[in-house]
Amino acid sequence: MKVLKWLDNNLEQAILLMLLCGMTIVMGGQIIARYAFSASLSWSEEITRYMFIISGFISASYCIKNGLSVKIDQLVGMLPGKGVHYMRLVSYLIQLLFFAYLVPFAWKYVKAGMASGQLSPACGIPMYLIQSFTVISFVLCCIRLIQKFIQRVEIITGKREAEEK
């Protein structure tokens, strides 16, 4: 149970940290190889690019979990009583529908990558592995939005205190 709680609290953050460290190490190695040994790593740019793309997808779920999306709160903040909470529910529902709509298309994209057998040019990584992070990200976004929706319903019903960020 502790593992699940830790994953719920830290999954995206841990993945993003590993990707950032990985990008730093790979590009640091590339710089050292280029300037110290006059050699270039043929795979470093490709790996770094894929880690950057994956971090972009995973960060969507991280931002949803932590309420870090771009939003205009002025109008919502002027709503009386529980109006703010109801507007947040509507917002979560729209976002959830959007990401749930994207999941099947992302899955079809991954399946097409599997069928094509395409490999990345420098590393020979099957492209469907890189493409699968679209599905993972969209599913994580859906999970986080469902969690936010449930938390907001608990706030409306009085089972939880509002903790606005």
Foldseek 3Di string as FASTA:
>chain_A
DVVVVCCVVPVLVVLLVVLVVVLVVLVVVQVCCCPVVVDGDQCSVVSNVLSVVLNVLSVLLVCLLVVNDDDDCPVLVPDPDLSNLVVVLVVLVVLLVVLVVCLVVLVVVLVVLVVVQDADDRPRHRVSVSSCSNNVSSVSNNVSSVVVNVVSVCCVVVVDPDDDD
